[in-house]
C-alpha cells in the first residue's frame, strides 16, 4: 500500500482529533484506567502523546542524559511526571491545540507520526472499549512497518504471515493467519500474543 504525504498528514490530523473528541467525553475515572502500556494509565499515555508538543530540545537532551540515554526510561519518567503535574483538562487542551502540529519522530517522517498516535491511541481505546480508528488508517501504519520496528517490540513473525481481513495487508512470509488489521497492529507491537499457526483469529475461533 502506497500513500502520499498529503494522505498521511490528513490521517495524522484526523487521528488526533478523533482521540481528543473521545477523551473529552471520558469521565475522570476513565483517565485513571489502565492502558495497554504496562504501568501507565490513560493519563500517562496522553502525557506521552503530547510530550513532543511540549518538550524543547534542551529539555529532551537533559532528560535523556538523566535517564542514561535510555529513551524508554526517559519516556516513562517524563510521562509519569507530566501526568502528575498536569490536569486532565490541561492534557486534553494540549492535544487539541496540536492537532495540526508538524512534529515527526526522528527518522520516522509522517508515517512515524501516524504510527505513534495510532498505536498509543489503541493503548487507550482498546481497554476502555472505545471506538477504533478506521481500518484504512491502521493499514497505513502497518504498511510502514519493517524489520526494525518489529525488532523494537521484540516480535518474531518467523513461520507466520499475518493477513488483514478488512484491508489488504500481509506481514511475514509463513503460514497465513487472518485477522482484522487492528489485531495485527496490536500483535506486532507486543500488545497481543502471537496467534497459533492455522488460526483465523487471536483466539483461534
C-alpha atoms as a PDB file:
ATOM      1  CA  UNK A   1       0.000   0.000   0.000  1.00  0.00           C
ATOM      2  CA  UNK A   2       1.490   3.306  -1.043  1.00  0.00           C
ATOM      3  CA  UNK A   3       0.465   6.652   0.382  1.00  0.00           C
ATOM      4  CA  UNK A   4       1.270  10.282  -0.240  1.00  0.00           C
ATOM      5  CA  UNK A   5       2.482  12.763   2.352  1.00  0.00           C
ATOM      6  CA  UNK A   6      -0.807  14.605   1.982  1.00  0.00           C
ATOM      7  CA  UNK A   7      -2.746  11.437   2.792  1.00  0.00           C
ATOM      8  CA  UNK A   8      -0.569  10.650   5.808  1.00  0.00           C
ATOM      9  CA  UNK A   9      -0.875  14.205   7.111  1.00  0.00           C
ATOM     10  CA  UNK A  10      -4.650  14.063   6.769  1.00  0.00           C
ATOM     11  CA  UNK A  11      -4.758  10.851   8.803  1.00  0.00           C
ATOM     12  CA  UNK A  12      -2.415  12.228  11.484  1.00  0.00           C
ATOM     13  CA  UNK A  13      -4.701  15.226  11.985  1.00  0.00           C
ATOM     14  CA  UNK A  14      -7.828  13.078  11.896  1.00  0.00           C
ATOM     15  CA  UNK A  15      -6.488  10.612  14.462  1.00  0.00           C
ATOM     16  CA  UNK A  16      -5.510  13.348  16.905  1.00  0.00           C
ATOM     17  CA  UNK A  17      -8.910  14.981  16.536  1.00  0.00           C
ATOM     18  CA  UNK A  18     -10.640  11.628  16.999  1.00  0.00           C
ATOM     19  CA  UNK A  19      -8.706  10.939  20.189  1.00  0.00           C
ATOM     20  CA  UNK A  20      -9.323  14.437  21.522  1.00  0.00           C
ATOM     21  CA  UNK A  21     -13.069  14.014  21.000  1.00  0.00           C
ATOM     22  CA  UNK A  22     -13.073  10.617  22.749  1.00  0.00           C
ATOM     23  CA  UNK A  23     -11.052  11.929  25.677  1.00  0.00           C
ATOM     24  CA  UNK A  24     -13.302  14.971  26.023  1.00  0.00           C
ATOM     25  CA  UNK A  25     -16.224  12.639  26.730  1.00  0.00           C
ATOM     26  CA  UNK A  26     -14.236  10.425  29.124  1.00  0.00           C
ATOM     27  CA  UNK A  27     -15.194  10.707  32.821  1.00  0.00           C
ATOM     28  CA  UNK A  28     -12.439  11.409  35.330  1.00  0.00           C
ATOM     29  CA  UNK A  29     -12.233   7.782  36.412  1.00  0.00           C
ATOM     30  CA  UNK A  30     -11.563   6.806  32.809  1.00  0.00           C
ATOM     31  CA  UNK A  31      -8.340   8.825  32.847  1.00  0.00           C
ATOM     32  CA  UNK A  32      -7.153   6.648  35.726  1.00  0.00           C
ATOM     33  CA  UNK A  33      -7.975   3.389  33.927  1.00  0.00           C
ATOM     34  CA  UNK A  34      -5.107   1.058  32.980  1.00  0.00           C
ATOM     35  CA  UNK A  35      -3.890   1.254  29.388  1.00  0.00           C
ATOM     36  CA  UNK A  36      -2.177  -1.385  27.273  1.00  0.00           C
ATOM     37  CA  UNK A  37       1.165   0.263  28.148  1.00  0.00           C
ATOM     38  CA  UNK A  38       2.449  -1.598  31.186  1.00  0.00           C
ATOM     39  CA  UNK A  39       2.301   0.608  34.268  1.00  0.00           C
ATOM     40  CA  UNK A  40       0.612   3.515  32.504  1.00  0.00           C
ATOM     41  CA  UNK A  41      -2.908   4.743  32.996  1.00  0.00           C
ATOM     42  CA  UNK A  42      -4.735   6.619  30.265  1.00  0.00           C
ATOM     43  CA  UNK A  43      -3.389   9.910  31.653  1.00  0.00           C
ATOM     44  CA  UNK A  44       0.238   8.750  31.256  1.00  0.00           C
ATOM     45  CA  UNK A  45      -0.469   7.754  27.656  1.00  0.00           C
ATOM     46  CA  UNK A  46      -1.953  11.191  26.917  1.00  0.00           C
ATOM     47  CA  UNK A  47       1.047  12.819  28.604  1.00  0.00           C
ATOM     48  CA  UNK A  48       3.348  10.766  26.372  1.00  0.00           C
ATOM     49  CA  UNK A  49       1.324  11.525  23.242  1.00  0.00           C
ATOM     50  CA  UNK A  50       1.527  15.246  23.873  1.00  0.00           C
ATOM     51  CA  UNK A  51       5.120  15.335  25.161  1.00  0.00           C
ATOM     52  CA  UNK A  52       6.642  16.131  21.736  1.00  0.00           C
ATOM     53  CA  UNK A  53       4.480  19.258  21.552  1.00  0.00           C
ATOM     54  CA  UNK A  54       5.683  20.495  24.950  1.00  0.00           C
ATOM     55  CA  UNK A  55       9.309  19.392  25.117  1.00  0.00           C
ATOM     56  CA  UNK A  56      12.143  21.609  23.923  1.00  0.00           C
ATOM     57  CA  UNK A  57      15.347  20.087  22.560  1.00  0.00           C
ATOM     58  CA  UNK A  58      17.427  21.158  25.612  1.00  0.00           C
ATOM     59  CA  UNK A  59      14.856  19.598  27.953  1.00  0.00           C
ATOM     60  CA  UNK A  60      14.844  16.400  25.887  1.00  0.00           C
ATOM     61  CA  UNK A  61      18.633  16.118  25.933  1.00  0.00           C
ATOM     62  CA  UNK A  62      18.768  16.799  29.677  1.00  0.00           C
ATOM     63  CA  UNK A  63      16.084  14.195  30.314  1.00  0.00           C
ATOM     64  CA  UNK A  64      17.854  11.611  28.191  1.00  0.00           C
ATOM     65  CA  UNK A  65      21.129  12.270  29.974  1.00  0.00           C
ATOM     66  CA  UNK A  66      19.435  11.830  33.352  1.00  0.00           C
ATOM     67  CA  UNK A  67      18.000   8.538  32.082  1.00  0.00           C
ATOM     68  CA  UNK A  68      21.462   7.380  30.969  1.00  0.00           C
ATOM     69  CA  UNK A  69      20.360   7.863  27.368  1.00  0.00           C
ATOM     70  CA  UNK A  70      17.700   5.172  27.524  1.00  0.00           C
ATOM     71  CA  UNK A  71      14.756   6.630  25.621  1.00  0.00           C
ATOM     72  CA  UNK A  72      12.311   4.157  27.173  1.00  0.00           C
ATOM     73  CA  UNK A  73      13.447   5.112  30.686  1.00  0.00           C
ATOM     74  CA  UNK A  74      13.252   8.803  29.844  1.00  0.00           C
ATOM     75  CA  UNK A  75       9.787   8.481  28.262  1.00  0.00           C
ATOM     76  CA  UNK A  76       8.454   6.600  31.276  1.00  0.00           C
ATOM     77  CA  UNK A  77       9.788   9.177  33.738  1.00  0.00           C
ATOM     78  CA  UNK A  78       8.505  12.092  31.676  1.00  0.00           C
ATOM     79  CA  UNK A  79       5.030  10.588  31.225  1.00  0.00           C
ATOM     80  CA  UNK A  80       4.640   9.888  34.929  1.00  0.00           C
ATOM     81  CA  UNK A  81       5.879  13.342  35.920  1.00  0.00           C
ATOM     82  CA  UNK A  82       3.686  15.185  33.407  1.00  0.00           C
ATOM     83  CA  UNK A  83       0.632  13.059  34.249  1.00  0.00           C
ATOM     84  CA  UNK A  84       1.054  14.094  37.887  1.00  0.00           C
ATOM     85  CA  UNK A  85       1.625  17.811  37.366  1.00  0.00           C
ATOM     86  CA  UNK A  86      -0.950  18.349  34.580  1.00  0.00           C
ATOM     87  CA  UNK A  87      -4.716  18.062  34.933  1.00  0.00           C
ATOM     88  CA  UNK A  88      -6.971  16.133  32.582  1.00  0.00           C
ATOM     89  CA  UNK A  89      -8.143  19.423  31.094  1.00  0.00           C
ATOM     90  CA  UNK A  90      -4.574  20.611  30.504  1.00  0.00           C
ATOM     91  CA  UNK A  91      -3.538  17.377  28.819  1.00  0.00           C
ATOM     92  CA  UNK A  92      -6.632  17.414  26.630  1.00  0.00           C
ATOM     93  CA  UNK A  93      -6.124  21.081  25.746  1.00  0.00           C
ATOM     94  CA  UNK A  94      -2.550  20.333  24.692  1.00  0.00           C
ATOM     95  CA  UNK A  95      -3.692  17.538  22.396  1.00  0.00           C
ATOM     96  CA  UNK A  96      -6.481  19.677  20.955  1.00  0.00           C
ATOM     97  CA  UNK A  97      -4.152  22.627  20.343  1.00  0.00           C
ATOM     98  CA  UNK A  98      -1.686  20.449  18.445  1.00  0.00           C
ATOM     99  CA  UNK A  99      -3.908  18.524  16.072  1.00  0.00           C
ATOM    100  CA  UNK A 100      -2.064  20.034  13.104  1.00  0.00           C
ATOM    101  CA  UNK A 101       1.358  20.145  14.773  1.00  0.00           C
ATOM    102  CA  UNK A 102       4.066  19.135  12.288  1.00  0.00           C
ATOM    103  CA  UNK A 103       6.063  17.007  14.779  1.00  0.00           C
ATOM    104  CA  UNK A 104       7.604  13.825  13.396  1.00  0.00           C
ATOM    105  CA  UNK A 105       9.735  11.302  15.294  1.00  0.00           C
ATOM    106  CA  UNK A 106      13.416  11.446  14.296  1.00  0.00           C
ATOM    107  CA  UNK A 107      13.813   9.477  11.093  1.00  0.00           C
ATOM    108  CA  UNK A 108      10.175   8.409  11.167  1.00  0.00           C
ATOM    109  CA  UNK A 109       8.556  11.022   8.975  1.00  0.00           C
ATOM    110  CA  UNK A 110       4.808  11.362   8.696  1.00  0.00           C
ATOM    111  CA  UNK A 111       4.360   7.592   8.791  1.00  0.00           C
ATOM    112  CA  UNK A 112       6.159   7.603  12.140  1.00  0.00           C
ATOM    113  CA  UNK A 113       3.910  10.339  13.479  1.00  0.00           C
ATOM    114  CA  UNK A 114       0.819   8.414  12.399  1.00  0.00           C
ATOM    115  CA  UNK A 115       2.182   5.213  13.951  1.00  0.00           C
ATOM    116  CA  UNK A 116       2.894   6.987  17.235  1.00  0.00           C
ATOM    117  CA  UNK A 117      -0.594   8.457  17.504  1.00  0.00           C
ATOM    118  CA  UNK A 118      -2.462   5.375  16.277  1.00  0.00           C
ATOM    119  CA  UNK A 119      -0.638   2.819  18.421  1.00  0.00           C
ATOM    120  CA  UNK A 120      -0.885   4.859  21.594  1.00  0.00           C
ATOM    121  CA  UNK A 121      -4.470   5.684  20.748  1.00  0.00           C
ATOM    122  CA  UNK A 122      -5.218   1.957  20.761  1.00  0.00           C
ATOM    123  CA  UNK A 123      -3.414   1.690  24.101  1.00  0.00           C
ATOM    124  CA  UNK A 124      -6.237   3.795  25.490  1.00  0.00           C
ATOM    125  CA  UNK A 125      -9.297   2.899  23.434  1.00  0.00           C
ATOM    126  CA  UNK A 126      -8.979  -0.898  23.473  1.00  0.00           C
ATOM    127  CA  UNK A 127      -9.130  -1.412  27.262  1.00  0.00           C
ATOM    128  CA  UNK A 128     -11.803   1.282  27.566  1.00  0.00           C
ATOM    129  CA  UNK A 129     -13.947  -0.297  24.846  1.00  0.00           C
ATOM    130  CA  UNK A 130     -13.959   2.942  22.835  1.00  0.00           C
ATOM    131  CA  UNK A 131     -14.250   3.136  19.029  1.00  0.00           C
ATOM    132  CA  UNK A 132     -11.256   2.078  16.968  1.00  0.00           C
ATOM    133  CA  UNK A 133      -9.571   4.060  14.206  1.00  0.00           C
ATOM    134  CA  UNK A 134     -10.660   3.265  10.639  1.00  0.00           C
ATOM    135  CA  UNK A 135      -9.106   0.122   9.176  1.00  0.00           C
ATOM    136  CA  UNK A 136      -7.654   2.267   6.386  1.00  0.00           C
ATOM    137  CA  UNK A 137      -5.668   4.289   8.940  1.00  0.00           C
ATOM    138  CA  UNK A 138      -4.370   1.212  10.725  1.00  0.00           C
ATOM    139  CA  UNK A 139      -3.409  -0.300   7.373  1.00  0.00           C
ATOM    140  CA  UNK A 140      -1.269   2.759   6.588  1.00  0.00           C
ATOM    141  CA  UNK A 141       0.598   2.217   9.846  1.00  0.00           C
ATOM    142  CA  UNK A 142       1.122  -1.454   9.044  1.00  0.00           C
ATOM    143  CA  UNK A 143       2.278  -0.641   5.530  1.00  0.00           C
ATOM    144  CA  UNK A 144       5.133   1.343   7.060  1.00  0.00           C
ATOM    145  CA  UNK A 145       6.167  -1.488   9.409  1.00  0.00           C
ATOM    146  CA  UNK A 146       9.567  -3.054   8.771  1.00  0.00           C
ATOM    147  CA  UNK A 147      12.037  -5.419  10.418  1.00  0.00           C
ATOM    148  CA  UNK A 148      13.436  -2.587  12.534  1.00  0.00           C
ATOM    149  CA  UNK A 149      10.051  -1.715  14.002  1.00  0.00           C
ATOM    150  CA  UNK A 150       9.256  -5.382  14.654  1.00  0.00           C
ATOM    151  CA  UNK A 151      12.589  -5.936  16.403  1.00  0.00           C
ATOM    152  CA  UNK A 152      11.971  -2.866  18.584  1.00  0.00           C
ATOM    153  CA  UNK A 153       8.898  -4.565  20.032  1.00  0.00           C
ATOM    154  CA  UNK A 154      10.617  -7.953  20.219  1.00  0.00           C
ATOM    155  CA  UNK A 155       8.157  -9.644  17.878  1.00  0.00           C
ATOM    156  CA  UNK A 156       9.304 -12.529  15.684  1.00  0.00           C
ATOM    157  CA  UNK A 157       6.947 -13.499  12.862  1.00  0.00           C
ATOM    158  CA  UNK A 158       9.070 -16.472  11.763  1.00  0.00           C
ATOM    159  CA  UNK A 159       6.769 -19.095  10.266  1.00  0.00           C
ATOM    160  CA  UNK A 160       3.746 -16.792  10.185  1.00  0.00           C
ATOM    161  CA  UNK A 161       2.121 -14.409   7.753  1.00  0.00           C
ATOM    162  CA  UNK A 162      -0.474 -12.096   9.279  1.00  0.00           C
ATOM    163  CA  UNK A 163      -3.165 -11.211   6.745  1.00  0.00           C
ATOM    164  CA  UNK A 164      -5.743  -8.480   7.177  1.00  0.00           C
ATOM    165  CA  UNK A 165      -9.392  -9.367   6.852  1.00  0.00           C
ATOM    166  CA  UNK A 166     -10.528  -5.752   6.483  1.00  0.00           C
ATOM    167  CA  UNK A 167      -7.618  -4.301   4.464  1.00  0.00           C
ATOM    168  CA  UNK A 168      -5.040  -5.651   2.026  1.00  0.00           C
ATOM    169  CA  UNK A 169      -2.172  -6.153   4.473  1.00  0.00           C
ATOM    170  CA  UNK A 170       0.278  -9.058   4.734  1.00  0.00           C
ATOM    171  CA  UNK A 171       3.180  -9.203   7.161  1.00  0.00           C
ATOM    172  CA  UNK A 172       5.603 -12.099   7.334  1.00  0.00           C
ATOM    173  CA  UNK A 173       6.227 -14.966   4.962  1.00  0.00           C
ATOM    174  CA  UNK A 174       4.979 -18.093   6.687  1.00  0.00           C
ATOM    175  CA  UNK A 175       1.696 -19.860   7.355  1.00  0.00           C
ATOM    176  CA  UNK A 176      -1.194 -17.422   6.934  1.00  0.00           C
ATOM    177  CA  UNK A 177      -3.235 -16.211   9.895  1.00  0.00           C
ATOM    178  CA  UNK A 178      -6.218 -14.000   9.131  1.00  0.00           C
ATOM    179  CA  UNK A 179      -7.331 -11.220  11.484  1.00  0.00           C
ATOM    180  CA  UNK A 180      -8.524  -7.596  11.457  1.00  0.00           C
ATOM    181  CA  UNK A 181      -5.730  -5.109  10.878  1.00  0.00           C
ATOM    182  CA  UNK A 182      -6.223  -3.651  14.355  1.00  0.00           C
ATOM    183  CA  UNK A 183      -5.368  -7.045  15.843  1.00  0.00           C
ATOM    184  CA  UNK A 184      -2.343  -7.306  13.557  1.00  0.00           C
ATOM    185  CA  UNK A 185      -1.071  -3.947  14.808  1.00  0.00           C
ATOM    186  CA  UNK A 186      -1.644  -4.911  18.438  1.00  0.00           C
ATOM    187  CA  UNK A 187       0.184  -8.179  17.808  1.00  0.00           C
ATOM    188  CA  UNK A 188       3.281  -6.803  16.117  1.00  0.00           C
ATOM    189  CA  UNK A 189       3.664  -4.134  18.803  1.00  0.00           C
ATOM    190  CA  UNK A 190       3.596  -6.716  21.570  1.00  0.00           C
ATOM    191  CA  UNK A 191       0.161  -5.786  22.895  1.00  0.00           C
ATOM    192  CA  UNK A 192      -1.284  -9.189  21.972  1.00  0.00           C
ATOM    193  CA  UNK A 193       0.321 -12.645  21.885  1.00  0.00           C
ATOM    194  CA  UNK A 194       1.259 -14.139  18.540  1.00  0.00           C
ATOM    195  CA  UNK A 195      -1.562 -16.331  17.188  1.00  0.00           C
ATOM    196  CA  UNK A 196      -1.265 -20.037  16.587  1.00  0.00           C
ATOM    197  CA  UNK A 197      -0.500 -21.103  13.012  1.00  0.00           C
ATOM    198  CA  UNK A 198      -3.662 -22.031  11.187  1.00  0.00           C
ATOM    199  CA  UNK A 199      -5.934 -19.922  13.368  1.00  0.00           C
ATOM    200  CA  UNK A 200      -8.242 -17.305  11.879  1.00  0.00           C
ATOM    201  CA  UNK A 201      -8.200 -15.023  14.914  1.00  0.00           C
ATOM    202  CA  UNK A 202      -6.207 -14.395  18.071  1.00  0.00           C
ATOM    203  CA  UNK A 203      -8.318 -16.961  19.905  1.00  0.00           C
ATOM    204  CA  UNK A 204      -8.445 -19.499  17.108  1.00  0.00           C
ATOM    205  CA  UNK A 205     -12.227 -19.209  16.875  1.00  0.00           C
END
